[in-house]
């Protein structure tokens, strides 16, 4: 017998958030975690809305997040 874990509803509450330049386009993005989902958001300065650039579901739970930049790198990384 094989058991498959399936979540029917996505988590809606943001547990962690980190701001930085993650896409390397000289624009500020926000990396947020929602339980086991990691999202990359970009605010639009013209309309004031926030657009989702990327959504990744991981196998596990995100316990903490922090942004960092490698030495000599041009973009930040969420960790």
Protein backbone atom coordinates (compact mmCIF):
# COMPACT_ATOMS: atom_id res chain seq x y z
CA UNK A 1 0.00 0.00 0.00
CA UNK A 2 1.28 3.49 -0.91
CA UNK A 3 0.06 6.53 1.01
CA UNK A 4 0.03 9.93 -0.71
CA UNK A 5 -0.08 13.19 1.25
CA UNK A 6 -2.36 15.74 -0.44
CA UNK A 7 -3.30 19.14 0.97
CA UNK A 8 -6.63 20.35 -0.40
CA UNK A 9 -6.33 24.00 0.63
CA UNK A 10 -3.27 26.23 0.46
CA UNK A 11 -2.12 27.97 3.62
CA UNK A 12 -3.15 31.63 3.57
CA UNK A 13 -1.36 33.07 6.59
CA UNK A 14 2.15 34.45 6.03
CA UNK A 15 4.52 33.11 8.69
CA UNK A 16 7.81 34.71 7.53
CA UNK A 17 8.77 37.50 5.12
CA UNK A 18 12.11 38.77 3.80
CA UNK A 19 12.63 41.71 1.43
CA UNK A 20 15.50 42.03 -1.02
CA UNK A 21 16.65 41.88 -4.63
CA UNK A 22 16.13 38.17 -5.39
CA UNK A 23 15.50 38.21 -9.17
CA UNK A 24 18.53 40.38 -10.01
CA UNK A 25 16.46 43.05 -11.82
CA UNK A 26 17.34 45.96 -9.48
CA UNK A 27 13.77 45.88 -8.12
CA UNK A 28 12.74 45.00 -4.59
CA UNK A 29 10.91 41.72 -4.09
CA UNK A 30 9.40 40.08 -1.03
CA UNK A 31 9.94 36.38 -0.27
CA UNK A 32 7.19 35.02 1.99
CA UNK A 33 6.52 31.61 3.49
CA UNK A 34 3.06 30.20 4.08
CA UNK A 35 3.63 26.96 5.98
CA UNK A 36 5.21 24.75 3.31
CA UNK A 37 4.78 27.21 0.40
CA UNK A 38 7.49 29.70 -0.61
CA UNK A 39 6.36 32.70 -2.70
CA UNK A 40 8.21 35.52 -4.42
CA UNK A 41 6.15 38.73 -4.60
CA UNK A 42 6.84 42.04 -6.34
CA UNK A 43 4.99 45.26 -5.44
CA UNK A 44 3.90 47.47 -8.36
CA UNK A 45 4.73 51.10 -7.51
CA UNK A 46 2.24 52.47 -10.07
CA UNK A 47 -0.88 50.63 -8.91
CA UNK A 48 0.09 49.72 -5.34
CA UNK A 49 -0.76 46.05 -5.91
CA UNK A 50 1.45 43.06 -5.12
CA UNK A 51 2.00 40.48 -7.89
CA UNK A 52 3.09 36.87 -7.34
CA UNK A 53 6.15 36.00 -9.45
CA UNK A 54 6.80 32.45 -8.25
CA UNK A 55 5.15 29.89 -5.99
CA UNK A 56 6.97 26.74 -4.87
CA UNK A 57 5.55 24.04 -2.60
CA UNK A 58 8.19 22.18 -0.61
CA UNK A 59 8.05 18.89 1.26
CA UNK A 60 8.37 20.10 4.84
CA UNK A 61 7.66 23.19 6.91
CA UNK A 62 9.58 26.46 6.68
CA UNK A 63 10.66 27.29 10.24
CA UNK A 64 12.70 30.47 9.61
CA UNK A 65 13.86 32.73 6.77
CA UNK A 66 16.56 35.34 6.32
CA UNK A 67 18.01 37.11 3.32
CA UNK A 68 21.71 37.04 2.47
CA UNK A 69 24.00 38.00 -0.41
CA UNK A 70 27.02 36.03 -1.55
CA UNK A 71 30.33 37.90 -1.66
CA UNK A 72 30.55 39.69 -4.99
CA UNK A 73 27.00 38.71 -5.94
CA UNK A 74 24.51 41.05 -7.58
CA UNK A 75 21.33 39.62 -6.08
CA UNK A 76 20.16 38.45 -2.68
CA UNK A 77 19.01 34.96 -1.80
CA UNK A 78 16.31 33.91 0.67
CA UNK A 79 17.55 31.29 3.12
